[in-house]
Amino acid sequence: MSKRFLDHDRFTGITTYHSYDHNTKQTTIERVQNIAPILDRNKALANDSEYKRQGMKDSFWHAAHIPMIVIEKWRAEEGLDVFNPDHMNRVKAKLNSSEYAYLRTSTGRI
């Protein structure tokens, strides 16, 4: 089974591939994103007390940065839509969990 490039979205950084298995006659669409730079920035911001202080002064709190590929995964696997206000309690619970702490850009609970 070979993987064929379909698309790269420069805005989200998501690359889409297609593969087809002739034995099983199964098509697979794979979407990938390099999230390392996002996670590195999240960690840096979480450790930057001046960033948090300035945000509070300007009346905002940057709580998290969720990569698009994670947003897509949550939506596909759990029906969780981070853009739906009715889902915010579930999003906050995920971000407050130790499993997804790397998505947060600040310390403390959301």
PDB file of N, CA and C in Angstrom:
ATOM      1  N   MET A   1       0.863  -1.165   0.000  1.00  0.00           N
ATOM      2  CA  MET A   1       0.000   0.000   0.000  1.00  0.00           C
ATOM      3  C   MET A   1       0.911   1.230   0.000  1.00  0.00           C
ATOM      4  N   SER A   2       0.752   2.073  -0.991  1.00  0.00           N
ATOM      5  CA  SER A   2       1.569   3.285  -1.074  1.00  0.00           C
ATOM      6  C   SER A   2       0.737   4.506  -0.700  1.00  0.00           C
ATOM      7  N   LYS A   3       1.448   5.480  -0.162  1.00  0.00           N
ATOM      8  CA  LYS A   3       0.802   6.716   0.271  1.00  0.00           C
ATOM      9  C   LYS A   3       1.035   7.777  -0.791  1.00  0.00           C
ATOM     10  N   ARG A   4      -0.042   8.480  -1.149  1.00  0.00           N
ATOM     11  CA  ARG A   4       0.053   9.524  -2.165  1.00  0.00           C
ATOM     12  C   ARG A   4      -0.345  10.860  -1.548  1.00  0.00           C
ATOM     13  N   PHE A   5       0.483  11.866  -1.787  1.00  0.00           N
ATOM     14  CA  PHE A   5       0.223  13.224  -1.312  1.00  0.00           C
ATOM     15  C   PHE A   5      -1.013  13.785  -2.024  1.00  0.00           C
ATOM     16  N   LEU A   6      -1.916  14.370  -1.253  1.00  0.00           N
ATOM     17  CA  LEU A   6      -3.100  15.015  -1.834  1.00  0.00           C
ATOM     18  C   LEU A   6      -3.058  16.531  -1.689  1.00  0.00           C
ATOM     19  N   ASP A   7      -2.720  17.010  -0.484  1.00  0.00           N
ATOM     20  CA  ASP A   7      -2.835  18.446  -0.245  1.00  0.00           C
ATOM     21  C   ASP A   7      -2.008  18.849   0.977  1.00  0.00           C
ATOM     22  N   HIS A   8      -1.574  20.087   0.978  1.00  0.00           N
ATOM     23  CA  HIS A   8      -0.973  20.682   2.173  1.00  0.00           C
ATOM     24  C   HIS A   8      -1.605  22.053   2.372  1.00  0.00           C
ATOM     25  N   ASP A   9      -2.228  22.242   3.516  1.00  0.00           N
ATOM     26  CA  ASP A   9      -2.859  23.512   3.866  1.00  0.00           C
ATOM     27  C   ASP A   9      -1.829  24.351   4.612  1.00  0.00           C
ATOM     28  N   ARG A  10      -1.349  25.395   3.994  1.00  0.00           N
ATOM     29  CA  ARG A  10      -0.315  26.237   4.603  1.00  0.00           C
ATOM     30  C   ARG A  10      -0.834  26.977   5.827  1.00  0.00           C
ATOM     31  N   PHE A  11      -2.123  27.243   5.881  1.00  0.00           N
ATOM     32  CA  PHE A  11      -2.690  27.972   7.018  1.00  0.00           C
ATOM     33  C   PHE A  11      -2.683  27.107   8.280  1.00  0.00           C
ATOM     34  N   THR A  12      -3.142  25.854   8.167  1.00  0.00           N
ATOM     35  CA  THR A  12      -3.224  24.967   9.334  1.00  0.00           C
ATOM     36  C   THR A  12      -1.980  24.108   9.499  1.00  0.00           C
ATOM     37  N   GLY A  13      -1.229  23.931   8.415  1.00  0.00           N
ATOM     38  CA  GLY A  13      -0.067  23.052   8.458  1.00  0.00           C
ATOM     39  C   GLY A  13      -0.431  21.587   8.322  1.00  0.00           C
ATOM     40  N   ILE A  14      -1.669  21.310   7.968  1.00  0.00           N
ATOM     41  CA  ILE A  14      -2.123  19.921   7.835  1.00  0.00           C
ATOM     42  C   ILE A  14      -1.860  19.426   6.419  1.00  0.00           C
ATOM     43  N   THR A  15      -1.257  18.238   6.336  1.00  0.00           N
ATOM     44  CA  THR A  15      -0.998  17.582   5.061  1.00  0.00           C
ATOM     45  C   THR A  15      -1.905  16.364   4.964  1.00  0.00           C
ATOM     46  N   THR A  16      -2.497  16.174   3.787  1.00  0.00           N
ATOM     47  CA  THR A  16      -3.423  15.072   3.566  1.00  0.00           C
ATOM     48  C   THR A  16      -2.831  14.084   2.573  1.00  0.00           C
ATOM     49  N   TYR A  17      -2.917  12.801   2.935  1.00  0.00           N
ATOM     50  CA  TYR A  17      -2.424  11.721   2.085  1.00  0.00           C
ATOM     51  C   TYR A  17      -3.555  10.734   1.803  1.00  0.00           C
ATOM     52  N   HIS A  18      -3.441  10.044   0.680  1.00  0.00           N
ATOM     53  CA  HIS A  18      -4.391   9.003   0.291  1.00  0.00           C
ATOM     54  C   HIS A  18      -3.626   7.707   0.091  1.00  0.00           C
ATOM     55  N   SER A  19      -4.176   6.620   0.564  1.00  0.00           N
ATOM     56  CA  SER A  19      -3.608   5.310   0.259  1.00  0.00           C
ATOM     57  C   SER A  19      -4.738   4.333  -0.042  1.00  0.00           C
ATOM     58  N   TYR A  20      -4.402   3.352  -0.865  1.00  0.00           N
ATOM     59  CA  TYR A  20      -5.383   2.343  -1.271  1.00  0.00           C
ATOM     60  C   TYR A  20      -4.734   0.976  -1.177  1.00  0.00           C
ATOM     61  N   ASP A  21      -5.403   0.064  -0.489  1.00  0.00           N
ATOM     62  CA  ASP A  21      -4.926  -1.307  -0.360  1.00  0.00           C
ATOM     63  C   ASP A  21      -5.701  -2.177  -1.352  1.00  0.00           C
ATOM     64  N   HIS A  22      -5.001  -2.647  -2.370  1.00  0.00           N
ATOM     65  CA  HIS A  22      -5.657  -3.440  -3.419  1.00  0.00           C
ATOM     66  C   HIS A  22      -6.162  -4.779  -2.885  1.00  0.00           C
ATOM     67  N   ASN A  23      -5.504  -5.337  -1.874  1.00  0.00           N
ATOM     68  CA  ASN A  23      -5.935  -6.623  -1.315  1.00  0.00           C
ATOM     69  C   ASN A  23      -7.273  -6.514  -0.590  1.00  0.00           C
ATOM     70  N   THR A  24      -7.416  -5.461   0.210  1.00  0.00           N
ATOM     71  CA  THR A  24      -8.655  -5.297   0.983  1.00  0.00           C
ATOM     72  C   THR A  24      -9.643  -4.347   0.306  1.00  0.00           C
ATOM     73  N   LYS A  25      -9.174  -3.707  -0.765  1.00  0.00           N
ATOM     74  CA  LYS A  25      -9.982  -2.703  -1.474  1.00  0.00           C
ATOM     75  C   LYS A  25     -10.426  -1.583  -0.517  1.00  0.00           C
ATOM     76  N   GLN A  26      -9.493  -1.188   0.323  1.00  0.00           N
ATOM     77  CA  GLN A  26      -9.791  -0.163   1.314  1.00  0.00           C
ATOM     78  C   GLN A  26      -8.994   1.107   1.036  1.00  0.00           C
ATOM     79  N   THR A  27      -9.709   2.225   1.059  1.00  0.00           N
ATOM     80  CA  THR A  27      -9.102   3.546   0.891  1.00  0.00           C
ATOM     81  C   THR A  27      -8.915   4.183   2.260  1.00  0.00           C
ATOM     82  N   THR A  28      -7.772   4.831   2.439  1.00  0.00           N
ATOM     83  CA  THR A  28      -7.492   5.526   3.691  1.00  0.00           C
ATOM     84  C   THR A  28      -7.068   6.950   3.380  1.00  0.00           C
ATOM     85  N   ILE A  29      -7.664   7.890   4.102  1.00  0.00           N
ATOM     86  CA  ILE A  29      -7.255   9.291   4.036  1.00  0.00           C
ATOM     87  C   ILE A  29      -6.584   9.591   5.372  1.00  0.00           C
ATOM     88  N   GLU A  30      -5.344  10.069   5.302  1.00  0.00           N
ATOM     89  CA  GLU A  30      -4.576  10.372   6.498  1.00  0.00           C
ATOM     90  C   GLU A  30      -4.254  11.860   6.516  1.00  0.00           C
ATOM     91  N   ARG A  31      -4.474  12.482   7.676  1.00  0.00           N
ATOM     92  CA  ARG A  31      -4.163  13.903   7.834  1.00  0.00           C
ATOM     93  C   ARG A  31      -3.159  14.020   8.966  1.00  0.00           C
ATOM     94  N   VAL A  32      -2.061  14.742   8.711  1.00  0.00           N
ATOM     95  CA  VAL A  32      -0.995  14.885   9.704  1.00  0.00           C
ATOM     96  C   VAL A  32      -0.601  16.351   9.843  1.00  0.00           C
ATOM     97  N   GLN A  33      -0.099  16.679  11.022  1.00  0.00           N
ATOM     98  CA  GLN A  33       0.348  18.044  11.290  1.00  0.00           C
ATOM     99  C   GLN A  33       1.529  17.963  12.246  1.00  0.00           C
ATOM    100  N   ASN A  34       2.568  18.711  11.967  1.00  0.00           N
ATOM    101  CA  ASN A  34       3.700  18.810  12.878  1.00  0.00           C
ATOM    102  C   ASN A  34       3.308  19.786  13.984  1.00  0.00           C
ATOM    103  N   ILE A  35       3.032  19.255  15.157  1.00  0.00           N
ATOM    104  CA  ILE A  35       2.565  20.113  16.246  1.00  0.00           C
ATOM    105  C   ILE A  35       3.686  20.495  17.214  1.00  0.00           C
ATOM    106  N   ALA A  36       4.889  20.022  16.968  1.00  0.00           N
ATOM    107  CA  ALA A  36       6.012  20.323  17.871  1.00  0.00           C
ATOM    108  C   ALA A  36       6.213  21.829  18.082  1.00  0.00           C
ATOM    109  N   PRO A  37       6.201  22.656  17.018  1.00  0.00           N
ATOM    110  CA  PRO A  37       6.373  24.104  17.249  1.00  0.00           C
ATOM    111  C   PRO A  37       5.258  24.713  18.098  1.00  0.00           C
ATOM    112  N   ILE A  38       4.043  24.220  17.935  1.00  0.00           N
ATOM    113  CA  ILE A  38       2.915  24.725  18.721  1.00  0.00           C
ATOM    114  C   ILE A  38       3.103  24.355  20.185  1.00  0.00           C
ATOM    115  N   LEU A  39       3.495  23.111  20.435  1.00  0.00           N
ATOM    116  CA  LEU A  39       3.679  22.661  21.816  1.00  0.00           C
ATOM    117  C   LEU A  39       4.845  23.382  22.487  1.00  0.00           C
ATOM    118  N   ASP A  40       5.904  23.618  21.716  1.00  0.00           N
ATOM    119  CA  ASP A  40       7.046  24.378  22.264  1.00  0.00           C
ATOM    120  C   ASP A  40       6.618  25.787  22.650  1.00  0.00           C
ATOM    121  N   ARG A  41       5.823  26.415  21.801  1.00  0.00           N
ATOM    122  CA  ARG A  41       5.342  27.779  22.102  1.00  0.00           C
ATOM    123  C   ARG A  41       4.400  27.768  23.305  1.00  0.00           C
ATOM    124  N   ASN A  42       3.512  26.771  23.371  1.00  0.00           N
ATOM    125  CA  ASN A  42       2.610  26.663  24.522  1.00  0.00           C
ATOM    126  C   ASN A  42       3.408  26.597  25.819  1.00  0.00           C
ATOM    127  N   LYS A  43       4.447  25.770  25.827  1.00  0.00           N
ATOM    128  CA  LYS A  43       5.271  25.614  27.024  1.00  0.00           C
ATOM    129  C   LYS A  43       5.974  26.925  27.381  1.00  0.00           C
ATOM    130  N   ALA A  44       6.509  27.592  26.363  1.00  0.00           N
ATOM    131  CA  ALA A  44       7.196  28.863  26.599  1.00  0.00           C
ATOM    132  C   ALA A  44       6.233  29.902  27.175  1.00  0.00           C
ATOM    133  N   LEU A  45       5.037  29.985  26.623  1.00  0.00           N
ATOM    134  CA  LEU A  45       4.054  30.954  27.119  1.00  0.00           C
ATOM    135  C   LEU A  45       3.617  30.620  28.537  1.00  0.00           C
ATOM    136  N   ALA A  46       3.458  29.322  28.829  1.00  0.00           N
ATOM    137  CA  ALA A  46       3.045  28.916  30.179  1.00  0.00           C
ATOM    138  C   ALA A  46       4.089  29.307  31.215  1.00  0.00           C
ATOM    139  N   ASN A  47       5.338  29.377  30.794  1.00  0.00           N
ATOM    140  CA  ASN A  47       6.424  29.737  31.711  1.00  0.00           C
ATOM    141  C   ASN A  47       6.761  31.229  31.695  1.00  0.00           C
ATOM    142  N   ASP A  48       6.023  32.018  30.931  1.00  0.00           N
ATOM    143  CA  ASP A  48       6.291  33.451  30.786  1.00  0.00           C
ATOM    144  C   ASP A  48       5.309  34.251  31.650  1.00  0.00           C
ATOM    145  N   SER A  49       5.736  34.613  32.839  1.00  0.00           N
ATOM    146  CA  SER A  49       4.842  35.335  33.758  1.00  0.00           C
ATOM    147  C   SER A  49       4.471  36.715  33.218  1.00  0.00           C
ATOM    148  N   GLU A  50       5.360  37.338  32.463  1.00  0.00           N
ATOM    149  CA  GLU A  50       5.064  38.655  31.897  1.00  0.00           C
ATOM    150  C   GLU A  50       3.934  38.569  30.865  1.00  0.00           C
ATOM    151  N   TYR A  51       3.914  37.490  30.077  1.00  0.00           N
ATOM    152  CA  TYR A  51       2.852  37.294  29.082  1.00  0.00           C
ATOM    153  C   TYR A  51       1.496  37.197  29.779  1.00  0.00           C
ATOM    154  N   LYS A  52       1.446  36.423  30.852  1.00  0.00           N
ATOM    155  CA  LYS A  52       0.196  36.284  31.601  1.00  0.00           C
ATOM    156  C   LYS A  52      -0.200  37.624  32.231  1.00  0.00           C
ATOM    157  N   ARG A  53       0.764  38.310  32.836  1.00  0.00           N
ATOM    158  CA  ARG A  53       0.489  39.602  33.486  1.00  0.00           C
ATOM    159  C   ARG A  53      -0.047  40.618  32.466  1.00  0.00           C
ATOM    160  N   GLN A  54       0.590  40.682  31.295  1.00  0.00           N
ATOM    161  CA  GLN A  54       0.149  41.626  30.260  1.00  0.00           C
ATOM    162  C   GLN A  54      -1.243  41.266  29.757  1.00  0.00           C
ATOM    163  N   GLY A  55      -1.511  39.983  29.597  1.00  0.00           N
ATOM    164  CA  GLY A  55      -2.839  39.553  29.169  1.00  0.00           C
ATOM    165  C   GLY A  55      -3.905  39.948  30.155  1.00  0.00           C
ATOM    166  N   MET A  56      -3.642  39.755  31.425  1.00  0.00           N
ATOM    167  CA  MET A  56      -4.612  40.131  32.451  1.00  0.00           C
ATOM    168  C   MET A  56      -4.826  41.641  32.444  1.00  0.00           C
ATOM    169  N   LYS A  57      -3.744  42.380  32.247  1.00  0.00           N
ATOM    170  CA  LYS A  57      -3.827  43.850  32.185  1.00  0.00           C
ATOM    171  C   LYS A  57      -4.683  44.290  30.993  1.00  0.00           C
ATOM    172  N   ASP A  58      -4.560  43.565  29.875  1.00  0.00           N
ATOM    173  CA  ASP A  58      -5.320  43.886  28.665  1.00  0.00           C
ATOM    174  C   ASP A  58      -6.675  43.172  28.617  1.00  0.00           C
ATOM    175  N   SER A  59      -7.083  42.582  29.716  1.00  0.00           N
ATOM    176  CA  SER A  59      -8.384  41.913  29.869  1.00  0.00           C
ATOM    177  C   SER A  59      -8.548  40.671  28.995  1.00  0.00           C
ATOM    178  N   PHE A  60      -7.490  39.879  28.881  1.00  0.00           N
ATOM    179  CA  PHE A  60      -7.642  38.593  28.223  1.00  0.00           C
ATOM    180  C   PHE A  60      -6.754  37.574  28.916  1.00  0.00           C
ATOM    181  N   TRP A  61      -7.107  36.322  28.732  1.00  0.00           N
ATOM    182  CA  TRP A  61      -6.299  35.251  29.281  1.00  0.00           C
ATOM    183  C   TRP A  61      -6.175  34.181  28.218  1.00  0.00           C
ATOM    184  N   HIS A  62      -5.001  34.050  27.663  1.00  0.00           N
ATOM    185  CA  HIS A  62      -4.729  33.034  26.636  1.00  0.00           C
ATOM    186  C   HIS A  62      -4.538  31.715  27.371  1.00  0.00           C
ATOM    187  N   ALA A  63      -5.567  30.898  27.409  1.00  0.00           N
ATOM    188  CA  ALA A  63      -5.544  29.689  28.227  1.00  0.00           C
ATOM    189  C   ALA A  63      -4.909  28.499  27.524  1.00  0.00           C
ATOM    190  N   ALA A  64      -5.088  28.403  26.197  1.00  0.00           N
ATOM    191  CA  ALA A  64      -4.593  27.226  25.478  1.00  0.00           C
ATOM    192  C   ALA A  64      -4.498  27.524  23.989  1.00  0.00           C
ATOM    193  N   HIS A  65      -3.690  26.724  23.327  1.00  0.00           N
ATOM    194  CA  HIS A  65      -3.630  26.739  21.864  1.00  0.00           C
ATOM    195  C   HIS A  65      -3.726  25.277  21.433  1.00  0.00           C
ATOM    196  N   ILE A  66      -4.826  24.936  20.784  1.00  0.00           N
ATOM    197  CA  ILE A  66      -5.093  23.553  20.391  1.00  0.00           C
ATOM    198  C   ILE A  66      -4.795  23.408  18.902  1.00  0.00           C
ATOM    199  N   PRO A  67      -3.858  22.543  18.530  1.00  0.00           N
ATOM    200  CA  PRO A  67      -3.570  22.338  17.104  1.00  0.00           C
ATOM    201  C   PRO A  67      -4.809  21.848  16.356  1.00  0.00           C
ATOM    202  N   MET A  68      -4.924  22.245  15.106  1.00  0.00           N
ATOM    203  CA  MET A  68      -6.081  21.877  14.290  1.00  0.00           C
ATOM    204  C   MET A  68      -6.270  20.368  14.198  1.00  0.00           C
ATOM    205  N   ILE A  69      -5.177  19.622  14.131  1.00  0.00           N
ATOM    206  CA  ILE A  69      -5.293  18.170  13.999  1.00  0.00           C
ATOM    207  C   ILE A  69      -5.930  17.560  15.244  1.00  0.00           C
ATOM    208  N   VAL A  70      -5.672  18.165  16.410  1.00  0.00           N
ATOM    209  CA  VAL A  70      -6.292  17.700  17.654  1.00  0.00           C
ATOM    210  C   VAL A  70      -7.775  18.074  17.657  1.00  0.00           C
ATOM    211  N   ILE A  71      -8.093  19.266  17.174  1.00  0.00           N
ATOM    212  CA  ILE A  71      -9.495  19.686  17.069  1.00  0.00           C
ATOM    213  C   ILE A  71     -10.258  18.722  16.173  1.00  0.00           C
ATOM    214  N   GLU A  72      -9.669  18.356  15.039  1.00  0.00           N
ATOM    215  CA  GLU A  72     -10.307  17.403  14.125  1.00  0.00           C
ATOM    216  C   GLU A  72     -10.479  16.034  14.775  1.00  0.00           C
ATOM    217  N   LYS A  73      -9.466  15.596  15.503  1.00  0.00           N
ATOM    218  CA  LYS A  73      -9.511  14.284  16.169  1.00  0.00           C
ATOM    219  C   LYS A  73     -10.633  14.250  17.205  1.00  0.00           C
ATOM    220  N   TRP A  74     -10.711  15.270  18.042  1.00  0.00           N
ATOM    221  CA  TRP A  74     -11.765  15.319  19.049  1.00  0.00           C
ATOM    222  C   TRP A  74     -13.143  15.306  18.410  1.00  0.00           C
ATOM    223  N   ARG A  75     -13.292  16.046  17.329  1.00  0.00           N
ATOM    224  CA  ARG A  75     -14.595  16.113  16.657  1.00  0.00           C
ATOM    225  C   ARG A  75     -14.963  14.757  16.051  1.00  0.00           C
ATOM    226  N   ALA A  76     -14.009  14.124  15.375  1.00  0.00           N
ATOM    227  CA  ALA A  76     -14.280  12.848  14.706  1.00  0.00           C
ATOM    228  C   ALA A  76     -14.512  11.710  15.699  1.00  0.00           C
ATOM    229  N   GLU A  77     -13.710  11.654  16.743  1.00  0.00           N
ATOM    230  CA  GLU A  77     -13.764  10.522  17.662  1.00  0.00           C
ATOM    231  C   GLU A  77     -14.751  10.696  18.807  1.00  0.00           C
ATOM    232  N   GLU A  78     -15.001  11.940  19.218  1.00  0.00           N
ATOM    233  CA  GLU A  78     -15.830  12.169  20.397  1.00  0.00           C
ATOM    234  C   GLU A  78     -17.021  13.084  20.154  1.00  0.00           C
ATOM    235  N   GLY A  79     -17.102  13.657  18.955  1.00  0.00           N
ATOM    236  CA  GLY A  79     -18.177  14.603  18.681  1.00  0.00           C
ATOM    237  C   GLY A  79     -17.996  15.912  19.431  1.00  0.00           C
ATOM    238  N   LEU A  80     -16.786  16.162  19.910  1.00  0.00           N
ATOM    239  CA  LEU A  80     -16.492  17.372  20.690  1.00  0.00           C
ATOM    240  C   LEU A  80     -16.069  18.491  19.749  1.00  0.00           C
ATOM    241  N   ASP A  81     -16.843  19.558  19.728  1.00  0.00           N
ATOM    242  CA  ASP A  81     -16.588  20.694  18.842  1.00  0.00           C
ATOM    243  C   ASP A  81     -16.118  21.878  19.677  1.00  0.00           C
ATOM    244  N   VAL A  82     -14.831  22.201  19.578  1.00  0.00           N
ATOM    245  CA  VAL A  82     -14.278  23.284  20.404  1.00  0.00           C
ATOM    246  C   VAL A  82     -14.863  24.641  20.033  1.00  0.00           C
ATOM    247  N   PHE A  83     -15.503  24.737  18.880  1.00  0.00           N
ATOM    248  CA  PHE A  83     -16.091  26.007  18.444  1.00  0.00           C
ATOM    249  C   PHE A  83     -17.556  26.142  18.861  1.00  0.00           C
ATOM    250  N   ASN A  84     -18.095  25.118  19.496  1.00  0.00           N
ATOM    251  CA  ASN A  84     -19.487  25.129  19.937  1.00  0.00           C
ATOM    252  C   ASN A  84     -19.533  25.538  21.407  1.00  0.00           C
ATOM    253  N   PRO A  85     -20.162  26.677  21.729  1.00  0.00           N
ATOM    254  CA  PRO A  85     -20.221  27.129  23.132  1.00  0.00           C
ATOM    255  C   PRO A  85     -20.845  26.092  24.067  1.00  0.00           C
ATOM    256  N   ASP A  86     -21.740  25.248  23.562  1.00  0.00           N
ATOM    257  CA  ASP A  86     -22.365  24.221  24.392  1.00  0.00           C
ATOM    258  C   ASP A  86     -21.382  23.129  24.808  1.00  0.00           C
ATOM    259  N   HIS A  87     -20.235  23.046  24.148  1.00  0.00           N
ATOM    260  CA  HIS A  87     -19.231  22.021  24.447  1.00  0.00           C
ATOM    261  C   HIS A  87     -18.096  22.536  25.335  1.00  0.00           C
ATOM    262  N   MET A  88     -18.173  23.800  25.748  1.00  0.00           N
ATOM    263  CA  MET A  88     -17.059  24.411  26.471  1.00  0.00           C
ATOM    264  C   MET A  88     -16.708  23.708  27.778  1.00  0.00           C
ATOM    265  N   ASN A  89     -17.695  23.185  28.491  1.00  0.00           N
ATOM    266  CA  ASN A  89     -17.383  22.477  29.738  1.00  0.00           C
ATOM    267  C   ASN A  89     -16.541  21.235  29.459  1.00  0.00           C
ATOM    268  N   ARG A  90     -16.846  20.522  28.388  1.00  0.00           N
ATOM    269  CA  ARG A  90     -16.059  19.338  28.018  1.00  0.00           C
ATOM    270  C   ARG A  90     -14.654  19.739  27.551  1.00  0.00           C
ATOM    271  N   VAL A  91     -14.556  20.840  26.802  1.00  0.00           N
ATOM    272  CA  VAL A  91     -13.248  21.322  26.339  1.00  0.00           C
ATOM    273  C   VAL A  91     -12.394  21.705  27.550  1.00  0.00           C
ATOM    274  N   LYS A  92     -12.977  22.445  28.486  1.00  0.00           N
ATOM    275  CA  LYS A  92     -12.248  22.841  29.691  1.00  0.00           C
ATOM    276  C   LYS A  92     -11.791  21.618  30.485  1.00  0.00           C
ATOM    277  N   ALA A  93     -12.653  20.621  30.599  1.00  0.00           N
ATOM    278  CA  ALA A  93     -12.290  19.404  31.329  1.00  0.00           C
ATOM    279  C   ALA A  93     -11.095  18.719  30.670  1.00  0.00           C
ATOM    280  N   LYS A  94     -11.086  18.662  29.349  1.00  0.00           N
ATOM    281  CA  LYS A  94      -9.955  18.070  28.631  1.00  0.00           C
ATOM    282  C   LYS A  94      -8.681  18.861  28.892  1.00  0.00           C
ATOM    283  N   LEU A  95      -8.778  20.183  28.761  1.00  0.00           N
ATOM    284  CA  LEU A  95      -7.596  21.022  28.935  1.00  0.00           C
ATOM    285  C   LEU A  95      -7.082  21.006  30.371  1.00  0.00           C
ATOM    286  N   ASN A  96      -7.954  20.769  31.338  1.00  0.00           N
ATOM    287  CA  ASN A  96      -7.542  20.694  32.733  1.00  0.00           C
ATOM    288  C   ASN A  96      -6.972  19.319  33.094  1.00  0.00           C
ATOM    289  N   SER A  97      -7.158  18.341  32.230  1.00  0.00           N
ATOM    290  CA  SER A  97      -6.639  17.000  32.504  1.00  0.00           C
ATOM    291  C   SER A  97      -5.133  16.964  32.252  1.00  0.00           C
ATOM    292  N   SER A  98      -4.460  16.073  32.943  1.00  0.00           N
ATOM    293  CA  SER A  98      -3.012  15.943  32.748  1.00  0.00           C
ATOM    294  C   SER A  98      -2.685  15.431  31.348  1.00  0.00           C
ATOM    295  N   GLU A  99      -3.597  14.703  30.732  1.00  0.00           N
ATOM    296  CA  GLU A  99      -3.381  14.162  29.386  1.00  0.00           C
ATOM    297  C   GLU A  99      -3.179  15.269  28.347  1.00  0.00           C
ATOM    298  N   TYR A 100      -3.852  16.384  28.520  1.00  0.00           N
ATOM    299  CA  TYR A 100      -3.790  17.470  27.538  1.00  0.00           C
ATOM    300  C   TYR A 100      -3.186  18.754  28.101  1.00  0.00           C
ATOM    301  N   ALA A 101      -2.455  18.675  29.189  1.00  0.00           N
ATOM    302  CA  ALA A 101      -1.832  19.856  29.799  1.00  0.00           C
ATOM    303  C   ALA A 101      -0.893  20.559  28.829  1.00  0.00           C
ATOM    304  N   TYR A 102      -0.291  19.836  27.896  1.00  0.00           N
ATOM    305  CA  TYR A 102       0.640  20.422  26.934  1.00  0.00           C
ATOM    306  C   TYR A 102      -0.026  21.397  25.965  1.00  0.00           C
ATOM    307  N   LEU A 103      -1.344  21.415  25.942  1.00  0.00           N
ATOM    308  CA  LEU A 103      -2.062  22.354  25.075  1.00  0.00           C
ATOM    309  C   LEU A 103      -2.280  23.705  25.748  1.00  0.00           C
ATOM    310  N   ARG A 104      -2.064  23.755  27.050  1.00  0.00           N
ATOM    311  CA  ARG A 104      -2.317  24.991  27.802  1.00  0.00           C
ATOM    312  C   ARG A 104      -1.152  25.959  27.669  1.00  0.00           C
ATOM    313  N   THR A 105      -1.477  27.224  27.682  1.00  0.00           N
ATOM    314  CA  THR A 105      -0.469  28.280  27.579  1.00  0.00           C
ATOM    315  C   THR A 105      -0.318  29.032  28.901  1.00  0.00           C
ATOM    316  N   SER A 106      -0.897  28.492  29.954  1.00  0.00           N
ATOM    317  CA  SER A 106      -0.776  29.097  31.270  1.00  0.00           C
ATOM    318  C   SER A 106      -0.882  27.998  32.311  1.00  0.00           C
ATOM    319  N   THR A 107      -0.506  28.336  33.517  1.00  0.00           N
ATOM    320  CA  THR A 107      -0.606  27.378  34.611  1.00  0.00           C
ATOM    321  C   THR A 107      -1.940  27.562  35.307  1.00  0.00           C
ATOM    322  N   GLY A 108      -2.287  26.646  36.159  1.00  0.00           N
ATOM    323  CA  GLY A 108      -3.564  26.724  36.867  1.00  0.00           C
ATOM    324  C   GLY A 108      -4.674  26.080  36.067  1.00  0.00           C
ATOM    325  N   ARG A 109      -5.843  26.120  36.611  1.00  0.00           N
ATOM    326  CA  ARG A 109      -7.014  25.508  35.963  1.00  0.00           C
ATOM    327  C   ARG A 109      -7.727  26.523  35.085  1.00  0.00           C
ATOM    328  N   ILE A 110      -8.407  25.993  34.087  1.00  0.00           N
ATOM    329  CA  ILE A 110      -9.165  26.827  33.154  1.00  0.00           C
ATOM    330  C   ILE A 110     -10.614  26.862  33.603  1.00  0.00           C
TER     331      ILE A 110
END
